[in-house]
Amino acid sequence: MAACYAATVKAILSLPRRSTYGDYLAAEQTSESQLELIDGVIDAMAGGSNEHNAIAGRFAGAFSARVPPGFYYTPAQRFWIAATARGRYSDGSIICGKPANPAHDAQATTNPVVVVEVLSPSSEGDDDGEKRRDFQSLESLQAYVIAAQDTRWVKVYRRNERGTWCEQPDVYRDGETFELPRLTRAISISEVYDGILDGSGRSLLR
């Protein structure tokens, strides 16, 4: 692991120059896949598995049925993280009211209330690591949701009444429901996973 990390750092440092946010936006215009800007490196996001995409779709349906029209945003929504100067995407989000766009990127927003990430093998460390901390730096965010794609559980990191983030997430499993800010009613774990994963986490899509 240490050798792999060292090799990655060496590769980044050997780049002729770091990409600017302008470079990133230009690359996004011509890219067939979504890109993120991480510490001056433009990173192409891998496509999701059948299970990943189906679970993200469940959240889209659940959110759309529980918030006013226009509050749910698809994975195509880009976010600007001012604290780390990064461009990020999520697997779905809720934004209340008009999106707040930074002056340098009219297609990015900075004011999600809820962000969802469906874990995948290639991004798990980032989704529950630096990406989570990036989104938690946004003052508007109240809940960061992580859903597994190979077992039936959902984790929710929440901002408490004092405005700080709880260190440990709430974890929800079969037979349980969870509430999120701005939703009119709770979401059940079965609503997220039934027809996608069986009770032991095996895929029903293959």
C-alpha atoms as a PDB file:
ATOM      1  CA  MET A   1       0.000   0.000   0.000  1.00  0.00           C
ATOM      2  CA  ALA A   2       2.796   2.442   0.961  1.00  0.00           C
ATOM      3  CA  ALA A   3       4.699   1.664  -2.250  1.00  0.00           C
ATOM      4  CA  CYS A   4       1.558   2.212  -4.314  1.00  0.00           C
ATOM      5  CA  TYR A   5       0.883   5.561  -2.602  1.00  0.00           C
ATOM      6  CA  ALA A   6       4.489   6.667  -3.093  1.00  0.00           C
ATOM      7  CA  ALA A   7       4.296   5.781  -6.783  1.00  0.00           C
ATOM      8  CA  THR A   8       1.084   7.789  -7.157  1.00  0.00           C
ATOM      9  CA  VAL A   9       2.579  10.833  -5.448  1.00  0.00           C
ATOM     10  CA  LYS A  10       5.718  10.549  -7.596  1.00  0.00           C
ATOM     11  CA  ALA A  11       3.600  10.352 -10.757  1.00  0.00           C
ATOM     12  CA  ILE A  12       1.635  13.472  -9.778  1.00  0.00           C
ATOM     13  CA  LEU A  13       4.748  15.439  -8.888  1.00  0.00           C
ATOM     14  CA  SER A  14       6.362  14.514 -12.207  1.00  0.00           C
ATOM     15  CA  LEU A  15       3.579  16.158 -14.227  1.00  0.00           C
ATOM     16  CA  PRO A  16       4.923  19.081 -16.309  1.00  0.00           C
ATOM     17  CA  ARG A  17       2.406  21.381 -14.575  1.00  0.00           C
ATOM     18  CA  ARG A  18      -0.767  21.217 -12.573  1.00  0.00           C
ATOM     19  CA  SER A  19      -4.012  21.775 -14.440  1.00  0.00           C
ATOM     20  CA  THR A  20      -5.907  24.965 -13.670  1.00  0.00           C
ATOM     21  CA  TYR A  21      -9.656  25.090 -13.164  1.00  0.00           C
ATOM     22  CA  GLY A  22      -9.859  26.622 -16.638  1.00  0.00           C
ATOM     23  CA  ASP A  23      -8.014  23.603 -18.062  1.00  0.00           C
ATOM     24  CA  TYR A  24     -10.462  21.371 -16.238  1.00  0.00           C
ATOM     25  CA  LEU A  25     -13.532  23.126 -17.637  1.00  0.00           C
ATOM     26  CA  ALA A  26     -12.100  22.952 -21.148  1.00  0.00           C
ATOM     27  CA  ALA A  27     -11.460  19.215 -20.762  1.00  0.00           C
ATOM     28  CA  GLU A  28     -15.017  18.701 -19.487  1.00  0.00           C
ATOM     29  CA  GLN A  29     -16.398  20.242 -22.670  1.00  0.00           C
ATOM     30  CA  THR A  30     -14.872  17.549 -24.873  1.00  0.00           C
ATOM     31  CA  SER A  31     -14.776  14.552 -22.519  1.00  0.00           C
ATOM     32  CA  GLU A  32     -17.150  11.612 -23.002  1.00  0.00           C
ATOM     33  CA  SER A  33     -16.960  10.837 -19.266  1.00  0.00           C
ATOM     34  CA  GLN A  34     -17.306  13.006 -16.191  1.00  0.00           C
ATOM     35  CA  LEU A  35     -14.087  14.492 -14.864  1.00  0.00           C
ATOM     36  CA  GLU A  36     -13.050  15.683 -11.425  1.00  0.00           C
ATOM     37  CA  LEU A  37     -10.229  18.090 -10.592  1.00  0.00           C
ATOM     38  CA  ILE A  38      -8.182  16.854  -7.640  1.00  0.00           C
ATOM     39  CA  ASP A  39      -5.129  18.872  -6.583  1.00  0.00           C
ATOM     40  CA  GLY A  40      -4.382  20.024 -10.098  1.00  0.00           C
ATOM     41  CA  VAL A  41      -4.934  16.591 -11.656  1.00  0.00           C
ATOM     42  CA  ILE A  42      -7.889  15.978 -13.995  1.00  0.00           C
ATOM     43  CA  ASP A  43      -9.309  12.576 -13.131  1.00  0.00           C
ATOM     44  CA  ALA A  44     -11.769  10.649 -15.331  1.00  0.00           C
ATOM     45  CA  MET A  45     -14.523   8.962 -13.354  1.00  0.00           C
ATOM     46  CA  ALA A  46     -15.108   5.281 -14.070  1.00  0.00           C
ATOM     47  CA  GLY A  47     -18.553   4.116 -15.145  1.00  0.00           C
ATOM     48  CA  GLY A  48     -20.675   2.440 -12.509  1.00  0.00           C
ATOM     49  CA  SER A  49     -21.736  -1.203 -12.355  1.00  0.00           C
ATOM     50  CA  ASN A  50     -25.327  -2.309 -12.950  1.00  0.00           C
ATOM     51  CA  GLU A  51     -25.867  -2.441  -9.201  1.00  0.00           C
ATOM     52  CA  HIS A  52     -24.273   0.950  -8.621  1.00  0.00           C
ATOM     53  CA  ASN A  53     -26.423   2.636 -11.247  1.00  0.00           C
ATOM     54  CA  ALA A  54     -29.605   0.894 -10.133  1.00  0.00           C
ATOM     55  CA  ILE A  55     -29.103   1.933  -6.496  1.00  0.00           C
ATOM     56  CA  ALA A  56     -28.392   5.520  -7.557  1.00  0.00           C
ATOM     57  CA  GLY A  57     -31.598   5.347  -9.572  1.00  0.00           C
ATOM     58  CA  ARG A  58     -33.528   4.233  -6.486  1.00  0.00           C
ATOM     59  CA  PHE A  59     -32.305   7.284  -4.613  1.00  0.00           C
ATOM     60  CA  ALA A  60     -33.351   9.468  -7.535  1.00  0.00           C
ATOM     61  CA  GLY A  61     -36.862   8.044  -7.389  1.00  0.00           C
ATOM     62  CA  ALA A  62     -37.057   8.266  -3.603  1.00  0.00           C
ATOM     63  CA  PHE A  63     -35.852  11.871  -3.572  1.00  0.00           C
ATOM     64  CA  SER A  64     -38.109  12.961  -6.434  1.00  0.00           C
ATOM     65  CA  ALA A  65     -41.148  11.574  -4.590  1.00  0.00           C
ATOM     66  CA  ARG A  66     -40.227  13.348  -1.334  1.00  0.00           C
ATOM     67  CA  VAL A  67     -39.056  16.840  -2.248  1.00  0.00           C
ATOM     68  CA  PRO A  68     -40.643  19.714  -4.211  1.00  0.00           C
ATOM     69  CA  PRO A  69     -40.049  19.737  -7.993  1.00  0.00           C
ATOM     70  CA  GLY A  70     -36.602  21.001  -8.890  1.00  0.00           C
ATOM     71  CA  PHE A  71     -34.942  20.070  -5.597  1.00  0.00           C
ATOM     72  CA  TYR A  72     -33.420  16.759  -6.753  1.00  0.00           C
ATOM     73  CA  TYR A  73     -30.294  16.998  -8.931  1.00  0.00           C
ATOM     74  CA  THR A  74     -28.867  14.147 -11.001  1.00  0.00           C
ATOM     75  CA  PRO A  75     -25.274  12.862 -11.000  1.00  0.00           C
ATOM     76  CA  ALA A  76     -24.580  15.290 -13.862  1.00  0.00           C
ATOM     77  CA  GLN A  77     -24.480  18.195 -11.407  1.00  0.00           C
ATOM     78  CA  ARG A  78     -20.980  19.531 -10.811  1.00  0.00           C
ATOM     79  CA  PHE A  79     -19.874  21.041  -7.478  1.00  0.00           C
ATOM     80  CA  TRP A  80     -17.143  23.547  -6.677  1.00  0.00           C
ATOM     81  CA  ILE A  81     -15.335  22.888  -3.407  1.00  0.00           C
ATOM     82  CA  ALA A  82     -13.739  26.201  -2.449  1.00  0.00           C
ATOM     83  CA  ALA A  83     -11.858  24.820   0.577  1.00  0.00           C
ATOM     84  CA  THR A  84      -9.746  22.538  -1.616  1.00  0.00           C
ATOM     85  CA  ALA A  85     -10.238  24.182  -5.058  1.00  0.00           C
ATOM     86  CA  ARG A  86     -11.680  20.953  -6.417  1.00  0.00           C
ATOM     87  CA  GLY A  87     -14.373  20.098  -8.929  1.00  0.00           C
ATOM     88  CA  ARG A  88     -16.540  17.214  -7.729  1.00  0.00           C
ATOM     89  CA  TYR A  89     -19.545  15.133  -8.762  1.00  0.00           C
ATOM     90  CA  SER A  90     -21.898  13.001  -6.672  1.00  0.00           C
ATOM     91  CA  ASP A  91     -24.379  10.197  -7.361  1.00  0.00           C
ATOM     92  CA  GLY A  92     -27.295  12.520  -6.619  1.00  0.00           C
ATOM     93  CA  SER A  93     -28.093  15.529  -4.472  1.00  0.00           C
ATOM     94  CA  ILE A  94     -30.760  17.789  -3.052  1.00  0.00           C
ATOM     95  CA  ILE A  95     -30.453  21.547  -3.461  1.00  0.00           C
ATOM     96  CA  CYS A  96     -33.063  23.790  -1.870  1.00  0.00           C
ATOM     97  CA  GLY A  97     -33.899  26.961  -3.730  1.00  0.00           C
ATOM     98  CA  LYS A  98     -31.729  28.376  -6.477  1.00  0.00           C
ATOM     99  CA  PRO A  99     -28.321  26.758  -7.034  1.00  0.00           C
ATOM    100  CA  ALA A 100     -25.432  28.980  -5.927  1.00  0.00           C
ATOM    101  CA  ASN A 101     -22.962  29.211  -8.795  1.00  0.00           C
ATOM    102  CA  PRO A 102     -19.377  30.380  -8.306  1.00  0.00           C
ATOM    103  CA  ALA A 103     -18.353  33.250 -10.563  1.00  0.00           C
ATOM    104  CA  HIS A 104     -15.821  31.141 -12.448  1.00  0.00           C
ATOM    105  CA  ASP A 105     -18.156  28.194 -13.223  1.00  0.00           C
ATOM    106  CA  ALA A 106     -21.806  28.801 -14.054  1.00  0.00           C
ATOM    107  CA  GLN A 107     -22.497  25.046 -14.256  1.00  0.00           C
ATOM    108  CA  ALA A 108     -21.185  24.206 -10.795  1.00  0.00           C
ATOM    109  CA  THR A 109     -23.012  24.741  -7.530  1.00  0.00           C
ATOM    110  CA  THR A 110     -21.898  25.182  -3.943  1.00  0.00           C
ATOM    111  CA  ASN A 111     -25.070  24.723  -1.877  1.00  0.00           C
ATOM    112  CA  PRO A 112     -26.278  21.109  -1.706  1.00  0.00           C
ATOM    113  CA  VAL A 113     -28.220  20.109   1.386  1.00  0.00           C
ATOM    114  CA  VAL A 114     -27.894  16.336   0.849  1.00  0.00           C
ATOM    115  CA  VAL A 115     -25.305  14.444  -1.220  1.00  0.00           C
ATOM    116  CA  VAL A 116     -25.431  10.726  -2.061  1.00  0.00           C
ATOM    117  CA  GLU A 117     -22.537   8.440  -2.984  1.00  0.00           C
ATOM    118  CA  VAL A 118     -22.933   4.772  -3.960  1.00  0.00           C
ATOM    119  CA  LEU A 119     -19.722   2.947  -3.125  1.00  0.00           C
ATOM    120  CA  SER A 120     -17.710   1.147  -5.779  1.00  0.00           C
ATOM    121  CA  PRO A 121     -14.404  -0.742  -5.463  1.00  0.00           C
ATOM    122  CA  SER A 122     -12.502   1.948  -7.357  1.00  0.00           C
ATOM    123  CA  SER A 123     -13.803   4.912  -5.365  1.00  0.00           C
ATOM    124  CA  GLU A 124     -14.682   3.603  -1.895  1.00  0.00           C
ATOM    125  CA  GLY A 125     -11.651   5.120  -0.190  1.00  0.00           C
ATOM    126  CA  ASP A 126     -12.357   8.529  -1.728  1.00  0.00           C
ATOM    127  CA  ASP A 127     -16.154   8.469  -1.260  1.00  0.00           C
ATOM    128  CA  ASP A 128     -15.798   7.854   2.481  1.00  0.00           C
ATOM    129  CA  GLY A 129     -12.571   9.839   2.746  1.00  0.00           C
ATOM    130  CA  GLU A 130     -11.432  12.970   0.938  1.00  0.00           C
ATOM    131  CA  LYS A 131     -14.601  13.357  -1.141  1.00  0.00           C
ATOM    132  CA  ARG A 132     -16.741  13.179   1.999  1.00  0.00           C
ATOM    133  CA  ARG A 133     -14.577  15.791   3.713  1.00  0.00           C
ATOM    134  CA  ASP A 134     -14.720  17.993   0.611  1.00  0.00           C
ATOM    135  CA  PHE A 135     -18.518  18.002   0.614  1.00  0.00           C
ATOM    136  CA  GLN A 136     -18.654  18.412   4.399  1.00  0.00           C
ATOM    137  CA  SER A 137     -16.711  21.658   3.986  1.00  0.00           C
ATOM    138  CA  LEU A 138     -19.736  23.185   2.226  1.00  0.00           C
ATOM    139  CA  GLU A 139     -21.727  25.222   4.748  1.00  0.00           C
ATOM    140  CA  SER A 140     -25.092  24.210   3.254  1.00  0.00           C
ATOM    141  CA  LEU A 141     -24.579  20.449   3.524  1.00  0.00           C
ATOM    142  CA  GLN A 142     -26.599  18.738   6.244  1.00  0.00           C
ATOM    143  CA  ALA A 143     -26.247  15.055   5.337  1.00  0.00           C
ATOM    144  CA  TYR A 144     -23.735  12.963   3.370  1.00  0.00           C
ATOM    145  CA  VAL A 145     -25.202   9.586   2.404  1.00  0.00           C
ATOM    146  CA  ILE A 146     -23.157   6.507   1.501  1.00  0.00           C
ATOM    147  CA  ALA A 147     -24.822   3.382   0.114  1.00  0.00           C
ATOM    148  CA  ALA A 148     -23.082   0.036  -0.360  1.00  0.00           C
ATOM    149  CA  GLN A 149     -23.557  -1.791  -3.636  1.00  0.00           C
ATOM    150  CA  ASP A 150     -22.632  -5.304  -2.447  1.00  0.00           C
ATOM    151  CA  THR A 151     -24.558  -5.420   0.840  1.00  0.00           C
ATOM    152  CA  ARG A 152     -27.771  -3.870   2.108  1.00  0.00           C
ATOM    153  CA  TRP A 153     -26.773  -0.918   4.266  1.00  0.00           C
ATOM    154  CA  VAL A 154     -26.764   2.867   4.129  1.00  0.00           C
ATOM    155  CA  LYS A 155     -24.580   5.204   6.208  1.00  0.00           C
ATOM    156  CA  VAL A 156     -25.533   8.809   6.871  1.00  0.00           C
ATOM    157  CA  TYR A 157     -23.073  11.391   8.176  1.00  0.00           C
ATOM    158  CA  ARG A 158     -25.018  14.254   9.752  1.00  0.00           C
ATOM    159  CA  ARG A 159     -24.317  17.822  10.803  1.00  0.00           C
ATOM    160  CA  ASN A 160     -25.580  18.349  14.336  1.00  0.00           C
ATOM    161  CA  GLU A 161     -27.537  21.249  15.834  1.00  0.00           C
ATOM    162  CA  ARG A 162     -24.289  23.041  16.716  1.00  0.00           C
ATOM    163  CA  GLY A 163     -23.279  23.045  13.071  1.00  0.00           C
ATOM    164  CA  THR A 164     -20.462  20.515  13.437  1.00  0.00           C
ATOM    165  CA  TRP A 165     -20.267  17.065  11.898  1.00  0.00           C
ATOM    166  CA  CYS A 166     -20.862  13.959  13.991  1.00  0.00           C
ATOM    167  CA  GLU A 167     -17.718  11.836  13.848  1.00  0.00           C
ATOM    168  CA  GLN A 168     -19.598   8.566  13.445  1.00  0.00           C
ATOM    169  CA  PRO A 169     -22.330   7.979  10.852  1.00  0.00           C
ATOM    170  CA  ASP A 170     -25.734   6.481  11.499  1.00  0.00           C
ATOM    171  CA  VAL A 171     -25.902   3.026   9.882  1.00  0.00           C
ATOM    172  CA  TYR A 172     -29.175   1.564   8.620  1.00  0.00           C
ATOM    173  CA  ARG A 173     -29.815  -2.052   7.662  1.00  0.00           C
ATOM    174  CA  ASP A 174     -32.703  -4.291   6.591  1.00  0.00           C
ATOM    175  CA  GLY A 175     -35.960  -3.532   8.336  1.00  0.00           C
ATOM    176  CA  GLU A 176     -34.952   0.047   9.110  1.00  0.00           C
ATOM    177  CA  THR A 177     -35.784   3.443   7.661  1.00  0.00           C
ATOM    178  CA  PHE A 178     -33.795   6.668   7.596  1.00  0.00           C
ATOM    179  CA  GLU A 179     -34.751  10.320   7.383  1.00  0.00           C
ATOM    180  CA  LEU A 180     -32.919  13.064   5.522  1.00  0.00           C
ATOM    181  CA  PRO A 181     -33.241  16.856   5.542  1.00  0.00           C
ATOM    182  CA  ARG A 182     -36.044  18.321   3.386  1.00  0.00           C
ATOM    183  CA  LEU A 183     -37.616  14.907   2.663  1.00  0.00           C
ATOM    184  CA  THR A 184     -41.306  14.643   3.495  1.00  0.00           C
ATOM    185  CA  ARG A 185     -40.996  11.058   4.737  1.00  0.00           C
ATOM    186  CA  ALA A 186     -38.382   8.427   5.556  1.00  0.00           C
ATOM    187  CA  ILE A 187     -36.771   6.003   3.096  1.00  0.00           C
ATOM    188  CA  SER A 188     -36.640   2.281   3.862  1.00  0.00           C
ATOM    189  CA  ILE A 189     -33.641   0.093   3.166  1.00  0.00           C
ATOM    190  CA  SER A 190     -35.927  -2.244   1.231  1.00  0.00           C
ATOM    191  CA  GLU A 191     -36.903   0.649  -1.064  1.00  0.00           C
ATOM    192  CA  VAL A 192     -33.238   1.164  -1.905  1.00  0.00           C
ATOM    193  CA  TYR A 193     -32.257  -2.483  -2.433  1.00  0.00           C
ATOM    194  CA  ASP A 194     -35.250  -4.758  -3.189  1.00  0.00           C
ATOM    195  CA  GLY A 195     -34.900  -6.236  -6.678  1.00  0.00           C
ATOM    196  CA  ILE A 196     -31.211  -5.263  -6.829  1.00  0.00           C
ATOM    197  CA  LEU A 197     -29.589  -7.236  -3.978  1.00  0.00           C
ATOM    198  CA  ASP A 198     -30.986 -10.214  -2.088  1.00  0.00           C
ATOM    199  CA  GLY A 199     -30.841 -10.495   1.678  1.00  0.00           C
ATOM    200  CA  SER A 200     -27.248 -11.712   1.640  1.00  0.00           C
ATOM    201  CA  GLY A 201     -26.063  -9.006  -0.728  1.00  0.00           C
ATOM    202  CA  ARG A 202     -25.968 -11.091  -3.905  1.00  0.00           C
ATOM    203  CA  SER A 203     -26.885  -9.247  -7.076  1.00  0.00           C
ATOM    204  CA  LEU A 204     -30.304  -9.956  -8.596  1.00  0.00           C
ATOM    205  CA  LEU A 205     -29.288  -8.190 -11.814  1.00  0.00           C
ATOM    206  CA  ARG A 206     -26.920 -10.862 -13.117  1.00  0.00           C
END
